[in-house]
Amino acid sequence: MAVTLAEVAVRAGVSPATVSRVLNGGYPVAGGTRTRVEQAVEELGYIANGPARALAAATSDLVGVLVHDVADSFFGILAGSLQSALAPTGRGEARRLAVVCNTEGDPAAELAYLALLEGQRAGGVVLTGGAPEDPGHTAALAARVARLAATGAPVVLCGRPPLPLPAELPVATVTFDDHGGAFRLAEHLLALGHRRIASIAGPPGLSTTRERLAGHRAALRRHDPRLAEACAELTVHAAFARSAGYDATRELLRRGAPFTAVAAANDTVATGVAAALREAGLRIPEDVSVAGFDDLPFCADTAPALTTVRVPLREAGALAAQLVTGRRPLPPGGITTLPTELMVRASTGPAPAERSRP
């Protein structure tokens, strides 16, 4: 039997009207009261009424696609490919409506959108981008995804690690070999003679940041265990934005520790790195080599063209669409890892001889 709004009110110790105000939003509700209501909703598994409520357990043709930032080319390409692949492939197949939800990387927004999609009886959900590595959020996310999947709506985790869920649920994971890509990129820089390699990593506490930074450091340790330690002082965490790459590079230059190459968290960050280096009078790659990650469309057109790691975003979007619509069965173990590829271009070159020593 479905949980009622009145039952939520009793559990939270408030009136039904207060519960309604919290669920509908736009009304002033004290923080403590809001927390009690949200906790009661989570504990009882309450689902707000949506247009599909009258259809009982039936699902709709709506597919929710959660992205961190729809204006970011990484997510735009992924979501665009997914939406294109949702088009009917044969006679009699229903067209799916993709609804893109922009979370701005906020874990709370991620949970809120999933609750809304559950209330709308979404026919499937795709979560994209790195996952916050917070145990509380992971547990809450797993519970929300489990409830969605238990209704028969497939869920695809795309570009993020799997969740601790029962194997029988229709949940698939599509991961990228970020670790391997970062490892190969660092090996490329080492082969060019670079020993002082700066790393402008992504935001801390994010799965993508951890994997790429771990791959980078693994390559340094393999070459010389002392290198990873020596380059630790050349690591700066920054957001996945051009301005963040610019500011982080200025910080590295301010510290004064010499470096001959920069491995940026992604291609957008790398453009900010390049701008800061040029402003400081440094040439790319003669003085400092610069590399990115993702292989976004603009990489081949930068001056010089950007060395990067190609992440198969279009392939991932198409695969996620096939999985969320049931056109492709879940892979063994529920996990598919897509390979990344090193793309060597003109922004990386041999290390200057006088700077190449540790």
Protein backbone atom coordinates (compact mmCIF):
# COMPACT_ATOMS: atom_id res chain seq x y z
CA MET A 1 0.00 0.00 0.00
CA ALA A 2 1.31 3.45 -0.93
CA VAL A 3 2.55 5.68 1.84
CA THR A 4 0.31 8.73 2.34
CA LEU A 5 1.23 12.32 2.99
CA ALA A 6 -0.53 12.05 6.36
CA GLU A 7 1.77 9.19 7.38
CA VAL A 8 4.79 11.29 6.53
CA ALA A 9 3.37 14.11 8.66
CA VAL A 10 2.94 11.78 11.65
CA ARG A 11 6.49 10.41 11.29
CA ALA A 12 7.94 13.96 11.08
CA GLY A 13 5.72 15.35 13.85
CA VAL A 14 4.31 18.14 11.69
CA SER A 15 1.04 18.92 9.94
CA PRO A 16 0.19 17.57 6.46
CA ALA A 17 0.23 21.17 5.23
CA THR A 18 3.85 21.54 6.34
CA VAL A 19 4.80 18.34 4.53
CA SER A 20 3.11 19.68 1.41
CA ARG A 21 5.02 22.96 1.66
CA VAL A 22 8.36 21.14 1.96
CA LEU A 23 7.61 18.84 -1.00
CA ASN A 24 6.32 21.60 -3.26
CA GLY A 25 9.13 24.04 -2.48
CA GLY A 26 8.94 27.83 -2.76
CA TYR A 27 7.56 28.20 0.78
CA PRO A 28 9.55 29.27 3.87
CA VAL A 29 10.04 26.30 6.19
CA ALA A 30 12.45 26.19 9.14
CA GLY A 31 15.61 24.21 8.44
CA GLY A 32 15.06 21.72 11.25
CA THR A 33 11.48 21.09 10.18
CA ARG A 34 12.50 20.60 6.56
CA THR A 35 15.16 18.10 7.62
CA ARG A 36 12.63 16.07 9.66
CA VAL A 37 10.18 15.97 6.76
CA GLU A 38 12.85 14.97 4.22
CA GLN A 39 14.08 12.25 6.57
CA ALA A 40 10.53 10.92 7.02
CA VAL A 41 10.02 10.91 3.24
CA GLU A 42 13.26 8.96 2.80
CA GLU A 43 12.51 6.45 5.57
CA LEU A 44 8.95 5.75 4.45
CA GLY A 45 9.70 5.77 0.73
CA TYR A 46 6.96 8.32 0.06
CA ILE A 47 6.45 9.20 -3.62
CA ALA A 48 4.71 12.45 -4.47
CA ASN A 49 1.83 12.33 -6.94
CA GLY A 50 2.72 13.00 -10.55
CA PRO A 51 0.77 12.89 -13.84
CA ALA A 52 1.53 9.18 -14.11
CA ARG A 53 0.20 8.39 -10.63
CA ALA A 54 -3.18 7.37 -12.02
CA LEU A 55 -1.45 4.68 -14.02
CA ALA A 56 -0.44 2.99 -10.76
CA ALA A 57 2.78 1.08 -11.28
CA ALA A 58 3.00 1.81 -14.99
CA THR A 59 6.06 3.69 -16.24
CA SER A 60 6.20 6.45 -18.82
CA ASP A 61 8.31 7.00 -21.93
CA LEU A 62 10.30 9.63 -20.05
CA VAL A 63 14.03 9.04 -19.57
CA GLY A 64 15.76 11.26 -17.04
CA VAL A 65 19.38 12.23 -17.79
CA LEU A 66 21.28 13.79 -14.90
CA VAL A 67 24.34 15.89 -15.81
CA HIS A 68 26.64 18.12 -13.78
CA ASP A 69 26.61 21.02 -16.25
CA VAL A 70 24.72 20.96 -19.52
CA ALA A 71 26.84 23.88 -20.79
CA ASP A 72 30.01 21.79 -20.42
CA SER A 73 30.92 20.13 -23.74
CA PHE A 74 31.68 16.85 -21.94
CA PHE A 75 28.08 16.52 -20.77
CA GLY A 76 26.58 18.14 -23.85
CA ILE A 77 28.18 15.55 -26.14
CA LEU A 78 27.21 12.69 -23.84
CA ALA A 79 23.60 13.82 -23.44
CA GLY A 80 23.24 14.65 -27.15
CA SER A 81 24.48 11.24 -28.21
CA LEU A 82 22.18 9.56 -25.70
CA GLN A 83 19.15 11.51 -26.87
CA SER A 84 19.85 10.72 -30.53
CA ALA A 85 20.17 7.03 -29.70
CA LEU A 86 16.76 7.07 -27.97
CA ALA A 87 15.03 7.51 -31.32
CA PRO A 88 12.83 4.54 -32.35
CA THR A 89 14.78 1.81 -34.13
CA GLY A 90 11.84 -0.09 -35.57
CA ARG A 91 8.13 0.02 -36.34
CA GLY A 92 5.92 0.09 -33.30
CA GLU A 93 8.67 1.23 -30.94
CA ALA A 94 7.67 4.22 -28.82
CA ARG A 95 9.65 7.44 -28.94
CA ARG A 96 11.35 8.27 -25.66
CA LEU A 97 11.38 11.76 -24.15
CA ALA A 98 14.79 12.65 -22.68
CA VAL A 99 14.61 15.16 -19.83
CA VAL A 100 18.01 16.62 -18.95
CA CYS A 101 18.42 17.58 -15.29
CA ASN A 102 21.30 19.95 -14.50
CA THR A 103 22.60 19.21 -10.99
CA GLU A 104 25.56 21.64 -11.03
CA GLY A 105 27.47 18.86 -9.29
CA ASP A 106 25.35 19.24 -6.13
CA PRO A 107 24.73 15.86 -4.43
CA ALA A 108 21.48 17.13 -2.86
CA ALA A 109 20.19 18.21 -6.28
CA GLU A 110 21.03 14.77 -7.64
CA LEU A 111 18.84 13.10 -5.00
CA ALA A 112 16.07 15.66 -5.48
CA TYR A 113 15.90 15.09 -9.24
CA LEU A 114 15.81 11.33 -8.73
CA ALA A 115 12.87 11.76 -6.35
CA LEU A 116 11.05 13.89 -8.95
CA LEU A 117 11.72 11.33 -11.69
CA GLU A 118 10.45 8.57 -9.41
CA GLY A 119 7.28 10.56 -8.82
CA GLN A 120 6.82 10.97 -12.57
CA ARG A 121 7.20 7.20 -13.05
CA ALA A 122 10.18 7.69 -15.37
CA GLY A 123 10.77 4.76 -17.70
CA GLY A 124 14.51 4.94 -17.09
CA VAL A 125 17.27 7.14 -15.65
CA VAL A 126 20.88 7.79 -16.68
CA LEU A 127 23.25 9.40 -14.17
CA THR A 128 26.39 10.87 -15.74
CA GLY A 129 29.64 12.34 -14.48
CA GLY A 130 31.90 11.69 -11.51
CA ALA A 131 30.31 10.63 -8.22
CA PRO A 132 30.89 12.41 -4.89
CA GLU A 133 32.89 10.05 -2.69
CA ASP A 134 30.90 10.64 0.47
CA PRO A 135 29.58 7.55 2.31
CA GLY A 136 26.36 9.30 3.35
CA HIS A 137 25.54 10.40 -0.15
CA THR A 138 26.49 7.01 -1.60
CA ALA A 139 24.07 5.28 0.78
CA ALA A 140 21.26 7.74 0.03
CA LEU A 141 21.88 7.48 -3.71
CA ALA A 142 21.93 3.68 -3.60
CA ALA A 143 18.59 3.66 -1.74
CA ARG A 144 17.01 6.05 -4.25
CA VAL A 145 18.34 4.14 -7.26
CA ALA A 146 17.19 0.84 -5.76
CA ARG A 147 13.62 2.14 -5.38
CA LEU A 148 13.60 3.37 -8.97
CA ALA A 149 14.96 0.12 -10.32
CA ALA A 150 12.55 -1.93 -8.22
CA THR A 151 9.67 -0.38 -10.20
CA GLY A 152 11.16 -1.86 -13.37
CA ALA A 153 12.77 1.37 -14.59
CA PRO A 154 16.35 0.64 -15.75
CA VAL A 155 19.06 2.87 -14.30
CA VAL A 156 22.43 3.46 -15.97
CA LEU A 157 25.42 4.93 -14.13
CA CYS A 158 27.55 6.47 -16.88
CA GLY A 159 31.07 7.69 -16.17
CA ARG A 160 30.88 6.83 -12.48
CA PRO A 161 31.59 3.81 -10.29
CA PRO A 162 28.95 1.16 -9.49
CA LEU A 163 26.73 1.38 -6.42
CA PRO A 164 26.29 -1.34 -3.76
CA LEU A 165 23.00 -2.76 -5.05
CA PRO A 166 21.37 -6.21 -5.35
CA ALA A 167 22.48 -7.94 -8.55
CA GLU A 168 18.89 -8.65 -9.65
CA LEU A 169 18.02 -4.96 -10.08
CA PRO A 170 18.10 -3.51 -13.64
CA VAL A 171 21.09 -1.24 -12.97
CA ALA A 172 24.04 -1.02 -15.37
CA THR A 173 27.35 0.81 -15.01
CA VAL A 174 29.36 2.29 -17.89
CA THR A 175 32.81 3.42 -16.77
CA PHE A 176 35.74 5.07 -18.54
CA ASP A 177 39.32 3.90 -18.13
CA ASP A 178 40.37 7.23 -16.59
CA HIS A 179 43.16 5.59 -14.60
CA GLY A 180 44.68 3.97 -17.67
CA GLY A 181 44.35 7.13 -19.73
CA ALA A 182 46.11 9.27 -17.13
CA PHE A 183 48.81 6.60 -16.79
CA ARG A 184 49.53 6.61 -20.53
CA LEU A 185 49.55 10.42 -20.65
CA ALA A 186 52.11 10.62 -17.82
CA GLU A 187 54.20 7.93 -19.54
CA HIS A 188 54.18 10.05 -22.71
CA LEU A 189 55.48 13.08 -20.81
CA LEU A 190 58.13 10.98 -19.07
CA ALA A 191 59.28 9.59 -22.42
CA LEU A 192 59.79 13.18 -23.59
CA GLY A 193 62.20 13.73 -20.70
CA HIS A 194 59.87 15.57 -18.32
CA ARG A 195 60.54 14.94 -14.64
CA ARG A 196 58.92 17.99 -13.02
CA ILE A 197 55.31 17.42 -14.10
CA ALA A 198 52.64 19.59 -12.51
CA SER A 199 49.14 18.18 -12.12
CA ILE A 200 46.07 20.38 -11.99
CA ALA A 201 43.65 17.78 -10.70
CA GLY A 202 39.88 18.10 -10.49
CA PRO A 203 37.86 18.85 -7.35
CA PRO A 204 38.77 16.64 -4.38
CA GLY A 205 36.28 14.01 -3.26
CA LEU A 206 35.15 13.14 -6.79
CA SER A 207 35.58 9.69 -8.35
CA THR A 208 36.87 11.09 -11.66
CA THR A 209 39.51 13.18 -9.88
CA ARG A 210 40.68 10.20 -7.83
CA GLU A 211 41.01 7.88 -10.84
CA ARG A 212 42.86 10.34 -13.06
CA LEU A 213 45.23 11.49 -10.33
CA ALA A 214 45.90 7.89 -9.27
CA GLY A 215 46.79 6.91 -12.84
CA HIS A 216 49.12 9.91 -13.16
CA ARG A 217 50.95 9.10 -9.94
CA ALA A 218 51.16 5.38 -10.74
CA ALA A 219 53.10 6.17 -13.91
CA LEU A 220 55.49 8.42 -12.00
CA ARG A 221 56.10 5.73 -9.36
CA ARG A 222 56.70 3.09 -12.02
CA HIS A 223 59.33 5.26 -13.67
CA ASP A 224 61.00 6.31 -10.42
CA PRO A 225 59.42 6.05 -6.95
CA ARG A 226 60.99 9.39 -6.05
CA LEU A 227 59.16 11.21 -8.85
CA ALA A 228 55.67 10.87 -7.36
CA GLU A 229 56.94 12.34 -4.11
CA ALA A 230 58.85 15.10 -5.86
CA CYS A 231 55.82 16.06 -7.97
CA ALA A 232 53.38 16.08 -5.04
CA GLU A 233 54.23 19.74 -4.39
CA LEU A 234 53.24 20.43 -8.01
CA THR A 235 49.65 19.19 -7.56
CA VAL A 236 46.79 21.68 -7.30
CA HIS A 237 43.10 20.76 -7.08
CA ALA A 238 40.72 22.94 -9.07
CA ALA A 239 37.23 22.93 -10.57
CA PHE A 240 36.64 21.67 -14.10
CA ALA A 241 36.64 25.18 -15.58
CA ARG A 242 38.92 27.37 -17.70
CA SER A 243 39.16 30.02 -14.99
CA ALA A 244 40.14 27.35 -12.47
CA GLY A 245 42.99 26.18 -14.72
CA TYR A 246 44.18 29.76 -15.14
CA ASP A 247 44.14 30.46 -11.39
CA ALA A 248 45.79 27.14 -10.50
CA THR A 249 48.63 27.79 -12.97
CA ARG A 250 49.20 31.25 -11.56
CA GLU A 251 49.41 29.64 -8.12
CA LEU A 252 52.00 27.13 -9.37
CA LEU A 253 54.06 29.95 -10.88
CA ARG A 254 53.78 31.95 -7.66
CA ARG A 255 55.16 29.04 -5.62
CA GLY A 256 58.30 29.14 -7.70
CA ALA A 257 58.94 25.39 -7.91
CA PRO A 258 60.11 24.67 -11.50
CA PHE A 259 58.05 22.46 -13.81
CA THR A 260 58.33 21.59 -17.49
CA ALA A 261 54.89 20.06 -18.12
CA VAL A 262 51.32 20.38 -16.89
CA ALA A 263 48.76 17.57 -16.93
CA ALA A 264 45.35 19.25 -16.63
CA ALA A 265 42.21 17.64 -15.22
CA ASN A 266 40.39 18.13 -18.52
CA ASP A 267 40.65 20.03 -21.79
CA THR A 268 38.74 23.06 -20.55
CA VAL A 269 41.14 23.42 -17.62
CA ALA A 270 44.05 23.06 -20.07
CA THR A 271 42.92 26.15 -21.98
CA GLY A 272 43.17 28.16 -18.77
CA VAL A 273 46.61 26.67 -18.11
CA ALA A 274 47.81 27.74 -21.55
CA ALA A 275 46.49 31.29 -21.07
CA ALA A 276 48.31 31.71 -17.76
CA LEU A 277 51.57 30.35 -19.16
CA ARG A 278 51.47 32.68 -22.16
CA GLU A 279 50.70 35.61 -19.89
CA ALA A 280 53.86 34.72 -17.94
CA GLY A 281 55.90 34.77 -21.15
CA LEU A 282 56.28 30.99 -21.44
CA ARG A 283 56.04 29.16 -24.76
CA ILE A 284 54.08 25.96 -25.39
CA PRO A 285 55.64 23.41 -25.75
CA GLU A 286 59.17 24.89 -25.96
CA ASP A 287 59.16 25.98 -22.30
CA VAL A 288 56.24 24.04 -20.84
CA SER A 289 54.25 21.17 -22.34
CA VAL A 290 50.50 21.14 -21.69
CA ALA A 291 48.08 18.21 -21.87
CA GLY A 292 44.37 17.83 -21.20
CA PHE A 293 41.83 15.04 -20.87
CA ASP A 294 38.56 14.15 -22.71
CA ASP A 295 39.46 15.17 -26.31
CA LEU A 296 36.67 17.72 -26.72
CA PRO A 297 36.08 19.05 -30.26
CA PHE A 298 38.12 22.24 -29.83
CA CYS A 299 41.35 20.37 -28.94
CA ALA A 300 42.54 19.98 -32.53
CA ASP A 301 41.99 23.71 -33.18
CA THR A 302 43.87 25.21 -30.23
CA ALA A 303 47.27 26.78 -30.90
CA PRO A 304 49.15 24.53 -30.59
CA ALA A 305 46.78 21.58 -30.91
CA LEU A 306 46.23 19.99 -27.51
CA THR A 307 47.63 16.61 -26.51
CA THR A 308 44.89 14.87 -24.56
CA VAL A 309 43.21 11.59 -23.66
CA ARG A 310 40.15 10.69 -25.71
CA VAL A 311 37.13 9.65 -23.65
CA PRO A 312 34.52 7.87 -25.85
CA LEU A 313 31.60 10.15 -24.95
CA ARG A 314 29.48 9.51 -28.04
CA GLU A 315 29.91 5.78 -27.73
CA ALA A 316 29.02 5.96 -24.04
CA GLY A 317 25.86 7.96 -24.75
CA ALA A 318 24.70 5.47 -27.37
CA LEU A 319 25.46 2.52 -25.09
CA ALA A 320 23.61 4.13 -22.18
CA ALA A 321 20.56 4.63 -24.41
CA GLN A 322 20.61 0.98 -25.45
CA LEU A 323 20.86 -0.16 -21.83
CA VAL A 324 18.19 2.16 -20.44
CA THR A 325 15.70 1.11 -23.14
CA GLY A 326 16.45 -2.59 -22.84
CA ARG A 327 17.70 -2.87 -26.42
CA ARG A 328 20.93 -4.29 -25.04
CA PRO A 329 20.99 -6.74 -22.12
CA LEU A 330 22.92 -5.94 -18.97
CA PRO A 331 26.57 -7.01 -19.29
CA PRO A 332 27.95 -9.75 -17.01
CA GLY A 333 28.40 -8.19 -13.60
CA GLY A 334 26.49 -5.13 -14.78
CA ILE A 335 29.67 -3.19 -15.63
CA THR A 336 31.12 -2.11 -18.99
CA THR A 337 34.46 -0.27 -19.08
CA LEU A 338 35.12 1.76 -22.21
CA PRO A 339 38.78 2.32 -23.20
CA THR A 340 40.43 5.72 -23.42
CA GLU A 341 43.04 6.69 -26.01
CA LEU A 342 46.08 8.95 -25.88
CA MET A 343 45.95 11.66 -28.58
CA VAL A 344 49.42 13.16 -29.07
CA ARG A 345 49.44 16.61 -30.64
CA ALA A 346 51.72 19.65 -30.78
CA SER A 347 51.19 21.00 -27.23
CA THR A 348 53.68 18.50 -25.80
CA GLY A 349 57.36 18.29 -26.72
CA PRO A 350 60.77 17.39 -25.31
CA ALA A 351 61.59 18.80 -21.89
CA PRO A 352 64.08 21.68 -21.86
CA ALA A 353 67.41 20.08 -20.95
CA GLU A 354 68.20 22.46 -18.10
CA ARG A 355 64.83 21.83 -16.46
CA SER A 356 64.40 18.10 -16.95
CA ARG A 357 66.29 16.97 -13.82
CA PRO A 358 64.27 16.08 -10.67
